[in-house]
C-alpha atoms as a PDB file:
ATOM      1  CA  MET A   1       9.633  38.142  11.723  1.00  0.00           C
ATOM      2  CA  LYS A   2       7.110  38.593   8.894  1.00  0.00           C
ATOM      3  CA  LEU A   3       5.210  35.387   8.088  1.00  0.00           C
ATOM      4  CA  LEU A   4       2.825  34.976   5.166  1.00  0.00           C
ATOM      5  CA  ILE A   5       0.580  31.896   5.312  1.00  0.00           C
ATOM      6  CA  ALA A   6      -1.058  30.842   2.054  1.00  0.00           C
ATOM      7  CA  GLY A   7      -3.952  28.442   1.618  1.00  0.00           C
ATOM      8  CA  GLY A   8      -7.250  27.528   3.189  1.00  0.00           C
ATOM      9  CA  GLY A   9     -10.669  26.715   1.849  1.00  0.00           C
ATOM     10  CA  THR A  10     -11.542  24.330   4.686  1.00  0.00           C
ATOM     11  CA  GLY A  11     -10.779  24.070   8.380  1.00  0.00           C
ATOM     12  CA  GLY A  12      -8.394  21.207   7.662  1.00  0.00           C
ATOM     13  CA  HIS A  13      -5.981  23.630   5.995  1.00  0.00           C
ATOM     14  CA  LEU A  14      -6.723  26.692   8.119  1.00  0.00           C
ATOM     15  CA  PHE A  15      -6.548  25.353  11.662  1.00  0.00           C
ATOM     16  CA  PRO A  16      -2.911  24.188  11.411  1.00  0.00           C
ATOM     17  CA  GLY A  17      -2.016  27.636  10.072  1.00  0.00           C
ATOM     18  CA  ILE A  18      -3.849  29.279  12.956  1.00  0.00           C
ATOM     19  CA  ALA A  19      -2.035  27.008  15.428  1.00  0.00           C
ATOM     20  CA  ILE A  20       1.327  28.038  13.976  1.00  0.00           C
ATOM     21  CA  VAL A  21       0.404  31.724  14.224  1.00  0.00           C
ATOM     22  CA  GLN A  22      -0.778  31.301  17.821  1.00  0.00           C
ATOM     23  CA  GLU A  23       2.572  29.778  18.732  1.00  0.00           C
ATOM     24  CA  LEU A  24       4.544  32.460  16.880  1.00  0.00           C
ATOM     25  CA  LEU A  25       2.649  35.365  18.465  1.00  0.00           C
ATOM     26  CA  SER A  26       2.864  33.781  21.918  1.00  0.00           C
ATOM     27  CA  ARG A  27       6.626  34.180  21.670  1.00  0.00           C
ATOM     28  CA  SER A  28       6.400  37.833  20.670  1.00  0.00           C
ATOM     29  CA  PRO A  29       3.395  39.940  19.593  1.00  0.00           C
ATOM     30  CA  SER A  30       5.766  41.991  17.435  1.00  0.00           C
ATOM     31  CA  HIS A  31       5.797  39.272  14.756  1.00  0.00           C
ATOM     32  CA  GLU A  32       3.759  40.237  11.687  1.00  0.00           C
ATOM     33  CA  VAL A  33       1.386  37.727  10.086  1.00  0.00           C
ATOM     34  CA  LEU A  34      -0.779  37.724   6.960  1.00  0.00           C
ATOM     35  CA  PHE A  35      -3.038  35.008   5.514  1.00  0.00           C
ATOM     36  CA  VAL A  36      -3.745  34.790   1.783  1.00  0.00           C
ATOM     37  CA  GLY A  37      -6.794  32.815   0.666  1.00  0.00           C
ATOM     38  CA  THR A  38      -9.923  33.131  -1.466  1.00  0.00           C
ATOM     39  CA  LYS A  39     -13.275  34.843  -0.966  1.00  0.00           C
ATOM     40  CA  LYS A  40     -15.101  31.522  -1.322  1.00  0.00           C
ATOM     41  CA  GLY A  41     -13.103  29.734   1.366  1.00  0.00           C
ATOM     42  CA  MET A  42     -13.836  29.303   5.047  1.00  0.00           C
ATOM     43  CA  GLU A  43     -11.024  31.752   5.834  1.00  0.00           C
ATOM     44  CA  VAL A  44     -13.355  34.703   5.181  1.00  0.00           C
ATOM     45  CA  SER A  45     -15.557  33.821   8.172  1.00  0.00           C
ATOM     46  CA  LEU A  46     -13.026  32.010  10.362  1.00  0.00           C
ATOM     47  CA  LEU A  47      -9.956  34.266  10.482  1.00  0.00           C
ATOM     48  CA  PRO A  48     -11.804  37.343  11.840  1.00  0.00           C
ATOM     49  CA  LYS A  49     -12.769  35.204  14.858  1.00  0.00           C
ATOM     50  CA  PHE A  50      -9.050  35.026  15.649  1.00  0.00           C
ATOM     51  CA  ASN A  51      -8.356  38.671  14.703  1.00  0.00           C
ATOM     52  CA  LEU A  52      -6.065  37.548  11.887  1.00  0.00           C
ATOM     53  CA  PRO A  53      -5.634  39.587   8.666  1.00  0.00           C
ATOM     54  CA  LEU A  54      -6.560  38.147   5.270  1.00  0.00           C
ATOM     55  CA  LYS A  55      -5.923  39.083   1.651  1.00  0.00           C
ATOM     56  CA  CYS A  56      -7.862  37.287  -1.087  1.00  0.00           C
ATOM     57  CA  ILE A  57      -6.866  36.234  -4.596  1.00  0.00           C
ATOM     58  CA  HIS A  58      -9.031  34.883  -7.440  1.00  0.00           C
ATOM     59  CA  ILE A  59      -8.484  31.147  -7.823  1.00  0.00           C
ATOM     60  CA  SER A  60     -10.512  27.935  -7.526  1.00  0.00           C
ATOM     61  CA  GLY A  61      -9.976  24.203  -7.807  1.00  0.00           C
ATOM     62  CA  LEU A  62     -10.285  21.886 -10.785  1.00  0.00           C
ATOM     63  CA  LYS A  63     -11.827  18.823  -9.157  1.00  0.00           C
ATOM     64  CA  GLY A  64     -15.491  18.178  -9.882  1.00  0.00           C
ATOM     65  CA  LYS A  65     -15.769  21.037 -12.375  1.00  0.00           C
ATOM     66  CA  SER A  66     -17.141  21.058 -15.913  1.00  0.00           C
ATOM     67  CA  TRP A  67     -14.760  21.549 -18.840  1.00  0.00           C
ATOM     68  CA  GLY A  68     -15.853  25.169 -19.112  1.00  0.00           C
ATOM     69  CA  GLU A  69     -15.179  25.776 -15.428  1.00  0.00           C
ATOM     70  CA  LYS A  70     -11.803  24.049 -15.700  1.00  0.00           C
ATOM     71  CA  LEU A  71     -10.802  26.293 -18.605  1.00  0.00           C
ATOM     72  CA  TYR A  72     -11.854  29.329 -16.587  1.00  0.00           C
ATOM     73  CA  THR A  73      -9.790  28.106 -13.618  1.00  0.00           C
ATOM     74  CA  LEU A  74      -6.757  27.616 -15.864  1.00  0.00           C
ATOM     75  CA  PHE A  75      -7.234  31.207 -17.021  1.00  0.00           C
ATOM     76  CA  LEU A  76      -7.340  32.347 -13.376  1.00  0.00           C
ATOM     77  CA  ILE A  77      -4.037  30.695 -12.411  1.00  0.00           C
ATOM     78  CA  PRO A  78      -1.725  33.261 -14.067  1.00  0.00           C
ATOM     79  CA  LEU A  79      -3.980  36.080 -12.833  1.00  0.00           C
ATOM     80  CA  SER A  80      -3.802  34.761  -9.257  1.00  0.00           C
ATOM     81  CA  ILE A  81      -0.012  34.452  -9.490  1.00  0.00           C
ATOM     82  CA  ILE A  82       0.181  38.115 -10.538  1.00  0.00           C
ATOM     83  CA  GLN A  83      -2.105  39.086  -7.630  1.00  0.00           C
ATOM     84  CA  SER A  84       0.061  37.034  -5.275  1.00  0.00           C
ATOM     85  CA  PHE A  85       3.209  38.663  -6.663  1.00  0.00           C
ATOM     86  CA  PHE A  86       2.022  42.112  -5.582  1.00  0.00           C
ATOM     87  CA  ILE A  87       0.796  40.903  -2.173  1.00  0.00           C
ATOM     88  CA  VAL A  88       4.105  39.192  -1.417  1.00  0.00           C
ATOM     89  CA  LYS A  89       6.150  42.111  -2.720  1.00  0.00           C
ATOM     90  CA  LYS A  90       4.198  44.629  -0.617  1.00  0.00           C
ATOM     91  CA  MET A  91       4.449  42.640   2.628  1.00  0.00           C
ATOM     92  CA  ASN A  92       8.026  41.528   1.971  1.00  0.00           C
ATOM     93  CA  PRO A  93       7.757  38.472   4.297  1.00  0.00           C
ATOM     94  CA  ASP A  94      10.736  36.675   5.749  1.00  0.00           C
ATOM     95  CA  VAL A  95       9.068  33.305   5.102  1.00  0.00           C
ATOM     96  CA  VAL A  96       6.081  32.149   3.044  1.00  0.00           C
ATOM     97  CA  LEU A  97       4.330  29.016   4.337  1.00  0.00           C
ATOM     98  CA  GLY A  98       1.810  27.066   2.250  1.00  0.00           C
ATOM     99  CA  VAL A  99      -0.747  25.059   4.214  1.00  0.00           C
ATOM    100  CA  GLY A 100      -2.598  23.500   1.276  1.00  0.00           C
ATOM    101  CA  GLY A 101      -5.585  24.625  -0.740  1.00  0.00           C
ATOM    102  CA  TYR A 102      -5.777  26.415  -4.074  1.00  0.00           C
ATOM    103  CA  ALA A 103      -4.363  29.753  -2.909  1.00  0.00           C
ATOM    104  CA  SER A 104      -1.134  28.231  -1.650  1.00  0.00           C
ATOM    105  CA  PHE A 105      -0.047  27.261  -5.173  1.00  0.00           C
ATOM    106  CA  SER A 106      -0.198  30.762  -6.638  1.00  0.00           C
ATOM    107  CA  VAL A 107       1.382  32.419  -3.608  1.00  0.00           C
ATOM    108  CA  LEU A 108       4.280  29.962  -3.396  1.00  0.00           C
ATOM    109  CA  VAL A 109       4.972  30.308  -7.121  1.00  0.00           C
ATOM    110  CA  ALA A 110       5.021  34.105  -6.791  1.00  0.00           C
ATOM    111  CA  SER A 111       7.314  33.764  -3.770  1.00  0.00           C
ATOM    112  CA  PHE A 112       9.661  31.593  -5.813  1.00  0.00           C
ATOM    113  CA  PHE A 113      10.049  34.322  -8.443  1.00  0.00           C
ATOM    114  CA  LEU A 114      10.579  36.901  -5.688  1.00  0.00           C
ATOM    115  CA  ARG A 115      13.213  34.647  -4.091  1.00  0.00           C
ATOM    116  CA  LYS A 116      11.462  34.454  -0.741  1.00  0.00           C
ATOM    117  CA  LYS A 117      12.069  31.632   1.723  1.00  0.00           C
ATOM    118  CA  ARG A 118       9.414  28.980   1.145  1.00  0.00           C
ATOM    119  CA  ALA A 119       7.979  26.101   3.154  1.00  0.00           C
ATOM    120  CA  ILE A 120       4.885  23.903   2.962  1.00  0.00           C
ATOM    121  CA  GLN A 121       2.986  22.003   5.634  1.00  0.00           C
ATOM    122  CA  GLU A 122       1.200  18.735   4.798  1.00  0.00           C
ATOM    123  CA  GLN A 123      -1.556  17.648   7.184  1.00  0.00           C
ATOM    124  CA  ASN A 124      -2.476  14.281   5.669  1.00  0.00           C
ATOM    125  CA  LEU A 125      -0.594  11.022   5.261  1.00  0.00           C
ATOM    126  CA  LYS A 126      -1.053  11.107   1.479  1.00  0.00           C
ATOM    127  CA  PRO A 127      -0.414  14.631   0.142  1.00  0.00           C
ATOM    128  CA  GLY A 128      -2.677  16.404  -2.306  1.00  0.00           C
ATOM    129  CA  LEU A 129      -1.703  17.600  -5.773  1.00  0.00           C
ATOM    130  CA  THR A 130      -0.948  21.176  -4.697  1.00  0.00           C
ATOM    131  CA  ASN A 131       1.664  20.227  -2.119  1.00  0.00           C
ATOM    132  CA  ARG A 132       3.190  17.567  -4.353  1.00  0.00           C
ATOM    133  CA  LEU A 133       3.747  20.208  -7.027  1.00  0.00           C
ATOM    134  CA  LEU A 134       4.987  22.797  -4.548  1.00  0.00           C
ATOM    135  CA  SER A 135       7.468  20.349  -3.021  1.00  0.00           C
ATOM    136  CA  ARG A 136       9.681  21.052  -6.042  1.00  0.00           C
ATOM    137  CA  ILE A 137      10.129  24.712  -5.111  1.00  0.00           C
ATOM    138  CA  ALA A 138       9.686  24.531  -1.319  1.00  0.00           C
ATOM    139  CA  GLN A 139      12.863  24.606   0.741  1.00  0.00           C
ATOM    140  CA  LYS A 140      11.344  22.956   3.823  1.00  0.00           C
ATOM    141  CA  ILE A 141       8.457  20.490   4.032  1.00  0.00           C
ATOM    142  CA  PHE A 142       6.728  19.833   7.354  1.00  0.00           C
ATOM    143  CA  VAL A 143       4.895  16.484   7.413  1.00  0.00           C
ATOM    144  CA  SER A 144       2.495  14.988   9.941  1.00  0.00           C
ATOM    145  CA  PHE A 145       3.217  11.289   9.364  1.00  0.00           C
ATOM    146  CA  GLU A 146       6.423   9.331   8.902  1.00  0.00           C
ATOM    147  CA  GLU A 147       4.703   7.556   6.015  1.00  0.00           C
ATOM    148  CA  SER A 148       4.479  10.859   4.109  1.00  0.00           C
ATOM    149  CA  LEU A 149       8.243  10.954   3.574  1.00  0.00           C
ATOM    150  CA  SER A 150       8.002   8.700   0.520  1.00  0.00           C
ATOM    151  CA  TYR A 151       5.963  11.325  -1.354  1.00  0.00           C
ATOM    152  CA  PHE A 152       8.456  14.182  -1.015  1.00  0.00           C
ATOM    153  CA  PRO A 153      12.194  14.854  -1.433  1.00  0.00           C
ATOM    154  CA  SER A 154      13.421  13.395   1.863  1.00  0.00           C
ATOM    155  CA  GLU A 155      16.222  15.929   2.297  1.00  0.00           C
ATOM    156  CA  LYS A 156      13.624  18.712   2.603  1.00  0.00           C
ATOM    157  CA  CYS A 157      11.285  16.912   5.013  1.00  0.00           C
ATOM    158  CA  ILE A 158      10.886  17.385   8.752  1.00  0.00           C
ATOM    159  CA  VAL A 159       8.406  15.203  10.659  1.00  0.00           C
ATOM    160  CA  THR A 160       6.647  17.565  13.058  1.00  0.00           C
ATOM    161  CA  GLY A 161       3.142  16.181  13.383  1.00  0.00           C
ATOM    162  CA  ASN A 162       0.091  18.267  12.539  1.00  0.00           C
ATOM    163  CA  PRO A 163      -0.209  21.444  14.642  1.00  0.00           C
ATOM    164  CA  VAL A 164      -3.512  21.996  16.411  1.00  0.00           C
ATOM    165  CA  ARG A 165      -5.014  25.058  18.017  1.00  0.00           C
ATOM    166  CA  LYS A 166      -4.437  25.588  21.706  1.00  0.00           C
ATOM    167  CA  LEU A 167      -7.002  23.292  23.307  1.00  0.00           C
ATOM    168  CA  LYS A 168      -8.295  23.278  26.847  1.00  0.00           C
ATOM    169  CA  LYS A 169      -8.682  19.753  28.159  1.00  0.00           C
ATOM    170  CA  GLU A 170     -11.187  20.850  30.818  1.00  0.00           C
ATOM    171  CA  ALA A 171     -13.714  23.416  29.669  1.00  0.00           C
ATOM    172  CA  TYR A 172     -16.887  22.864  31.700  1.00  0.00           C
ATOM    173  CA  GLU A 173     -18.723  20.307  33.797  1.00  0.00           C
ATOM    174  CA  ARG A 174     -19.439  16.942  32.217  1.00  0.00           C
ATOM    175  CA  SER A 175     -22.912  15.457  31.844  1.00  0.00           C
ATOM    176  CA  ASP A 176     -23.841  12.316  33.797  1.00  0.00           C
ATOM    177  CA  GLN A 177     -25.042  10.825  30.520  1.00  0.00           C
ATOM    178  CA  PHE A 178     -22.880   9.131  27.893  1.00  0.00           C
ATOM    179  CA  THR A 179     -21.961  12.056  25.656  1.00  0.00           C
ATOM    180  CA  ILE A 180     -21.586  11.573  21.903  1.00  0.00           C
ATOM    181  CA  PHE A 181     -20.239  14.360  19.715  1.00  0.00           C
ATOM    182  CA  ILE A 182     -21.044  14.073  15.999  1.00  0.00           C
ATOM    183  CA  PHE A 183     -19.563  16.386  13.399  1.00  0.00           C
ATOM    184  CA  GLY A 184     -18.741  16.266   9.711  1.00  0.00           C
ATOM    185  CA  GLY A 185     -15.787  18.608   9.565  1.00  0.00           C
ATOM    186  CA  SER A 186     -15.888  22.343   8.929  1.00  0.00           C
ATOM    187  CA  GLN A 187     -18.430  21.959   6.108  1.00  0.00           C
ATOM    188  CA  GLY A 188     -20.706  19.322   7.615  1.00  0.00           C
ATOM    189  CA  ALA A 189     -21.476  15.888   6.129  1.00  0.00           C
ATOM    190  CA  HIS A 190     -24.926  15.115   4.739  1.00  0.00           C
ATOM    191  CA  SER A 191     -24.510  11.319   4.587  1.00  0.00           C
ATOM    192  CA  LEU A 192     -23.335  11.241   8.206  1.00  0.00           C
ATOM    193  CA  ASN A 193     -26.213  13.476   9.314  1.00  0.00           C
ATOM    194  CA  ARG A 194     -28.704  11.226   7.527  1.00  0.00           C
ATOM    195  CA  ALA A 195     -27.271   8.057   9.079  1.00  0.00           C
ATOM    196  CA  VAL A 196     -27.444   9.551  12.579  1.00  0.00           C
ATOM    197  CA  LEU A 197     -31.106  10.444  12.146  1.00  0.00           C
ATOM    198  CA  ASP A 198     -31.866   7.007  10.671  1.00  0.00           C
ATOM    199  CA  ALA A 199     -30.212   5.470  13.748  1.00  0.00           C
ATOM    200  CA  LEU A 200     -32.550   7.157  16.240  1.00  0.00           C
ATOM    201  CA  PRO A 201     -35.345   4.512  16.129  1.00  0.00           C
ATOM    202  CA  TYR A 202     -32.771   1.786  16.840  1.00  0.00           C
ATOM    203  CA  LEU A 203     -31.485   3.707  19.872  1.00  0.00           C
ATOM    204  CA  GLU A 204     -34.844   4.292  21.539  1.00  0.00           C
ATOM    205  CA  LEU A 205     -33.884   2.309  24.671  1.00  0.00           C
ATOM    206  CA  LEU A 206     -30.797   4.494  25.127  1.00  0.00           C
ATOM    207  CA  LYS A 207     -32.592   7.795  24.546  1.00  0.00           C
ATOM    208  CA  ASP A 208     -32.446   8.878  28.203  1.00  0.00           C
ATOM    209  CA  LYS A 209     -28.883   7.630  28.650  1.00  0.00           C
ATOM    210  CA  LEU A 210     -27.260   9.482  25.758  1.00  0.00           C
ATOM    211  CA  HIS A 211     -26.339  13.141  25.505  1.00  0.00           C
ATOM    212  CA  VAL A 212     -25.957  14.019  21.814  1.00  0.00           C
ATOM    213  CA  ILE A 213     -24.099  17.076  20.524  1.00  0.00           C
ATOM    214  CA  HIS A 214     -24.301  17.399  16.745  1.00  0.00           C
ATOM    215  CA  GLN A 215     -22.565  19.844  14.391  1.00  0.00           C
ATOM    216  CA  THR A 216     -24.445  19.603  11.110  1.00  0.00           C
ATOM    217  CA  GLY A 217     -23.097  22.268   8.758  1.00  0.00           C
ATOM    218  CA  LYS A 218     -25.363  25.135   7.638  1.00  0.00           C
ATOM    219  CA  SER A 219     -27.410  23.361   4.972  1.00  0.00           C
ATOM    220  CA  ASP A 220     -28.668  20.524   7.205  1.00  0.00           C
ATOM    221  CA  LEU A 221     -29.213  22.448  10.457  1.00  0.00           C
ATOM    222  CA  LYS A 222     -33.001  22.895  10.346  1.00  0.00           C
ATOM    223  CA  TRP A 223     -33.677  19.397   9.014  1.00  0.00           C
ATOM    224  CA  VAL A 224     -31.521  17.690  11.645  1.00  0.00           C
ATOM    225  CA  ALA A 225     -32.864  19.786  14.533  1.00  0.00           C
ATOM    226  CA  SER A 226     -36.498  19.192  13.537  1.00  0.00           C
ATOM    227  CA  THR A 227     -35.938  15.431  13.166  1.00  0.00           C
ATOM    228  CA  TYR A 228     -34.475  15.175  16.668  1.00  0.00           C
ATOM    229  CA  PHE A 229     -37.521  17.104  17.922  1.00  0.00           C
ATOM    230  CA  GLN A 230     -39.937  14.778  16.084  1.00  0.00           C
ATOM    231  CA  HIS A 231     -38.294  11.752  17.709  1.00  0.00           C
ATOM    232  CA  GLN A 232     -38.337  13.547  21.095  1.00  0.00           C
ATOM    233  CA  TRP A 233     -34.564  13.525  21.459  1.00  0.00           C
ATOM    234  CA  LYS A 234     -32.983  16.299  23.505  1.00  0.00           C
ATOM    235  CA  ALA A 235     -29.954  16.894  21.319  1.00  0.00           C
ATOM    236  CA  GLU A 236     -27.772  19.987  21.072  1.00  0.00           C
ATOM    237  CA  VAL A 237     -27.629  20.884  17.375  1.00  0.00           C
ATOM    238  CA  TYR A 238     -25.335  23.508  15.838  1.00  0.00           C
ATOM    239  CA  ASP A 239     -24.346  24.475  12.316  1.00  0.00           C
ATOM    240  CA  PHE A 240     -20.731  25.159  13.338  1.00  0.00           C
ATOM    241  CA  LEU A 241     -18.770  25.324  16.588  1.00  0.00           C
ATOM    242  CA  TYR A 242     -15.779  27.613  16.984  1.00  0.00           C
ATOM    243  CA  ASP A 243     -14.948  26.361  20.499  1.00  0.00           C
ATOM    244  CA  MET A 244     -14.569  22.665  19.686  1.00  0.00           C
ATOM    245  CA  GLU A 245     -12.323  22.092  22.702  1.00  0.00           C
ATOM    246  CA  LYS A 246     -15.288  22.647  25.023  1.00  0.00           C
ATOM    247  CA  ILE A 247     -17.238  19.893  23.324  1.00  0.00           C
ATOM    248  CA  PHE A 248     -14.278  17.528  23.054  1.00  0.00           C
ATOM    249  CA  SER A 249     -13.658  17.922  26.783  1.00  0.00           C
ATOM    250  CA  VAL A 250     -17.076  16.529  27.737  1.00  0.00           C
ATOM    251  CA  SER A 251     -17.370  13.869  25.012  1.00  0.00           C
ATOM    252  CA  ASP A 252     -17.141  10.152  25.757  1.00  0.00           C
ATOM    253  CA  TYR A 253     -17.276   9.161  22.092  1.00  0.00           C
ATOM    254  CA  VAL A 254     -16.769  11.143  18.894  1.00  0.00           C
ATOM    255  CA  ILE A 255     -18.166  10.284  15.456  1.00  0.00           C
ATOM    256  CA  CYS A 256     -16.664  12.294  12.612  1.00  0.00           C
ATOM    257  CA  ARG A 257     -14.795  12.465   9.319  1.00  0.00           C
ATOM    258  CA  ALA A 258     -11.079  11.662   9.283  1.00  0.00           C
ATOM    259  CA  GLY A 259      -9.590  14.953   8.170  1.00  0.00           C
ATOM    260  CA  ALA A 260      -6.108  15.653   9.461  1.00  0.00           C
ATOM    261  CA  SER A 261      -7.126  18.370  11.930  1.00  0.00           C
ATOM    262  CA  SER A 262      -9.860  16.208  13.461  1.00  0.00           C
ATOM    263  CA  VAL A 263      -7.474  13.253  13.788  1.00  0.00           C
ATOM    264  CA  SER A 264      -4.782  15.440  15.361  1.00  0.00           C
ATOM    265  CA  GLU A 265      -7.099  17.104  17.877  1.00  0.00           C
ATOM    266  CA  LEU A 266      -8.703  13.825  18.943  1.00  0.00           C
ATOM    267  CA  ALA A 267      -5.268  12.250  19.363  1.00  0.00           C
ATOM    268  CA  LEU A 268      -4.041  15.154  21.466  1.00  0.00           C
ATOM    269  CA  LEU A 269      -7.053  14.915  23.783  1.00  0.00           C
ATOM    270  CA  GLY A 270      -7.159  11.112  23.793  1.00  0.00           C
ATOM    271  CA  LYS A 271     -10.749  10.735  22.612  1.00  0.00           C
ATOM    272  CA  ALA A 272     -12.264   7.410  21.610  1.00  0.00           C
ATOM    273  CA  CYS A 273     -13.772   7.813  18.180  1.00  0.00           C
ATOM    274  CA  LEU A 274     -15.468   6.344  15.135  1.00  0.00           C
ATOM    275  CA  PHE A 275     -14.142   7.707  11.848  1.00  0.00           C
ATOM    276  CA  VAL A 276     -16.298   7.867   8.720  1.00  0.00           C
ATOM    277  CA  PRO A 277     -13.783   9.011   6.067  1.00  0.00           C
ATOM    278  CA  TYR A 278     -15.039  11.443   3.445  1.00  0.00           C
ATOM    279  CA  PRO A 279     -15.154   9.273   0.291  1.00  0.00           C
ATOM    280  CA  TYR A 280     -14.363  12.077  -2.159  1.00  0.00           C
ATOM    281  CA  ALA A 281     -11.287  13.463  -0.407  1.00  0.00           C
ATOM    282  CA  ALA A 282      -8.349  13.938  -2.760  1.00  0.00           C
ATOM    283  CA  HIS A 283      -6.385  10.696  -3.195  1.00  0.00           C
ATOM    284  CA  ASN A 284      -8.611   9.089  -0.541  1.00  0.00           C
ATOM    285  CA  HIS A 285      -6.416  10.705   2.116  1.00  0.00           C
ATOM    286  CA  GLN A 286      -9.065  10.534   4.858  1.00  0.00           C
ATOM    287  CA  GLU A 287      -9.296   6.751   4.695  1.00  0.00           C
ATOM    288  CA  GLU A 288      -5.481   6.587   4.729  1.00  0.00           C
ATOM    289  CA  ASN A 289      -5.482   8.723   7.891  1.00  0.00           C
ATOM    290  CA  ALA A 290      -8.116   6.576   9.596  1.00  0.00           C
ATOM    291  CA  ARG A 291      -6.657   3.192   8.623  1.00  0.00           C
ATOM    292  CA  THR A 292      -3.272   4.169  10.039  1.00  0.00           C
ATOM    293  CA  LEU A 293      -4.873   4.612  13.471  1.00  0.00           C
ATOM    294  CA  GLU A 294      -7.207   1.638  13.116  1.00  0.00           C
ATOM    295  CA  LYS A 295      -4.257  -0.727  12.591  1.00  0.00           C
ATOM    296  CA  LYS A 296      -3.066   0.182  16.100  1.00  0.00           C
ATOM    297  CA  GLY A 297      -6.507  -0.160  17.689  1.00  0.00           C
ATOM    298  CA  ALA A 298      -6.702   3.613  18.182  1.00  0.00           C
ATOM    299  CA  CYS A 299     -10.121   4.102  16.555  1.00  0.00           C
ATOM    300  CA  ARG A 300     -12.995   2.395  14.783  1.00  0.00           C
ATOM    301  CA  VAL A 301     -13.754   2.981  11.090  1.00  0.00           C
ATOM    302  CA  ILE A 302     -16.860   2.729   8.898  1.00  0.00           C
ATOM    303  CA  LEU A 303     -16.625   3.658   5.228  1.00  0.00           C
ATOM    304  CA  ASP A 304     -19.244   6.031   3.870  1.00  0.00           C
ATOM    305  CA  TRP A 305     -20.765   3.411   1.538  1.00  0.00           C
ATOM    306  CA  GLN A 306     -21.240   1.089   4.532  1.00  0.00           C
ATOM    307  CA  LEU A 307     -22.936   3.789   6.591  1.00  0.00           C
ATOM    308  CA  ASN A 308     -26.614   3.412   7.469  1.00  0.00           C
ATOM    309  CA  GLY A 309     -28.820   3.934  10.496  1.00  0.00           C
ATOM    310  CA  HIS A 310     -28.765   0.316  11.664  1.00  0.00           C
ATOM    311  CA  GLN A 311     -24.982   0.004  11.430  1.00  0.00           C
ATOM    312  CA  LEU A 312     -24.362   3.334  13.150  1.00  0.00           C
ATOM    313  CA  ALA A 313     -26.775   2.473  15.965  1.00  0.00           C
ATOM    314  CA  LYS A 314     -24.902  -0.807  16.399  1.00  0.00           C
ATOM    315  CA  GLU A 315     -21.606   1.095  16.750  1.00  0.00           C
ATOM    316  CA  ILE A 316     -23.094   3.514  19.283  1.00  0.00           C
ATOM    317  CA  ARG A 317     -24.558   0.690  21.385  1.00  0.00           C
ATOM    318  CA  TYR A 318     -21.214  -1.100  21.272  1.00  0.00           C
ATOM    319  CA  ALA A 319     -19.399   2.012  22.469  1.00  0.00           C
ATOM    320  CA  TYR A 320     -21.916   2.524  25.270  1.00  0.00           C
ATOM    321  CA  ASP A 321     -21.674  -1.123  26.405  1.00  0.00           C
ATOM    322  CA  HIS A 322     -17.852  -1.318  26.330  1.00  0.00           C
ATOM    323  CA  PRO A 323     -16.357   1.509  28.423  1.00  0.00           C
ATOM    324  CA  ARG A 324     -13.108  -0.385  29.010  1.00  0.00           C
ATOM    325  CA  GLU A 325     -12.529  -0.730  25.276  1.00  0.00           C
ATOM    326  CA  LEU A 326     -13.061   3.007  24.893  1.00  0.00           C
ATOM    327  CA  GLU A 327     -10.447   3.596  27.590  1.00  0.00           C
ATOM    328  CA  GLU A 328      -7.958   1.426  25.690  1.00  0.00           C
ATOM    329  CA  MET A 329      -8.766   3.220  22.451  1.00  0.00           C
ATOM    330  CA  SER A 330      -8.196   6.535  24.200  1.00  0.00           C
ATOM    331  CA  LYS A 331      -4.767   5.449  25.425  1.00  0.00           C
ATOM    332  CA  LYS A 332      -3.749   4.216  21.981  1.00  0.00           C
ATOM    333  CA  ILE A 333      -4.835   7.298  20.039  1.00  0.00           C
ATOM    334  CA  ILE A 334      -2.753   9.520  22.322  1.00  0.00           C
ATOM    335  CA  SER A 335       0.343   7.793  20.947  1.00  0.00           C
ATOM    336  CA  PHE A 336      -0.407   9.496  17.607  1.00  0.00           C
ATOM    337  CA  SER A 337      -0.471  12.981  19.109  1.00  0.00           C
ATOM    338  CA  HIS A 338       2.201  15.604  18.510  1.00  0.00           C
ATOM    339  CA  PRO A 339       1.617  18.211  21.229  1.00  0.00           C
ATOM    340  CA  TYR A 340       4.669  20.214  20.202  1.00  0.00           C
ATOM    341  CA  ALA A 341       4.063  20.282  16.437  1.00  0.00           C
ATOM    342  CA  ALA A 342       3.391  24.024  16.291  1.00  0.00           C
ATOM    343  CA  GLN A 343       6.482  24.741  18.394  1.00  0.00           C
ATOM    344  CA  ALA A 344       8.639  22.579  16.124  1.00  0.00           C
ATOM    345  CA  ILE A 345       7.418  24.338  12.988  1.00  0.00           C
ATOM    346  CA  VAL A 346       7.870  27.817  14.458  1.00  0.00           C
ATOM    347  CA  ASP A 347      11.407  26.888  15.532  1.00  0.00           C
ATOM    348  CA  GLN A 348      12.140  25.881  11.946  1.00  0.00           C
ATOM    349  CA  LEU A 349      10.598  29.046  10.505  1.00  0.00           C
ATOM    350  CA  LEU A 350      12.558  31.297  12.851  1.00  0.00           C
ATOM    351  CA  SER A 351      15.820  29.527  12.020  1.00  0.00           C
ATOM    352  CA  PHE A 352      15.204  29.594   8.260  1.00  0.00           C
END
């Protein structure tokens, strides 16, 4: 089988695609795979880590751009469709799968004109504009939440859950301390980083009882690391972690954004967590993701505008003082996991 996966930009779009490829290749290494993304997206640095091939097209998003930039992007759309046309024609894939992000639009449109089999995969409860548009030409739509069915033609939809990379539940020895893992998604989160550092003075009495692991994103790395040092905290600080499963395996509590991949991985591993949804996510999909779990007692939620050092310290102390509640939260979040999502999608792709 030849599979072309289109999309990317952030880990939230890429990791499900990688999970699908891992499942496909585990069945037979003879399957051929190609990713199509952009040079500005995370795919350029991430996919080589998994030895996966990438072709890039020229396209960018419209959100948050000036009128001049939007006009330039509109000019790029037909160009990117032409680029995609030649990429698809040369590979001649059996199926083209869009995983969200700007590149998926152009590639799926080109695939439509070339009469290739087309599918899209939606990670979030509330779909973004790209997938809502592509649902008109996609033949199969893989959704992560039952609630997503109302946004798409129901006859095309298959509820699979959101595929996650192959994760190891036991990676290395746990610390005797209460381990907190803080991360802001694949691109970091400045407001979350700031709140964590502002919380340190309020957590002075717990300093020797907490083991902090913090993924900051590239831009905040030096600032965050130096602030921990100034407050004499022994924290592990990284700009980005490729082996997240190792950190998840030793974490007692996770504080992070509520992107679909993060939600899916935490659910699969049964990790108690505090979600701080990214406030500028398209259609507020991160808060939708988090609230769905919160209603079932499967997580705690603080909105970004509510976030400050005092409030975050209060949440951390509460988590530390209530281990039984964390155990209950862990049990409840597992009910949202879909451990066979990648298998279900690959089955559908192979039977297309």
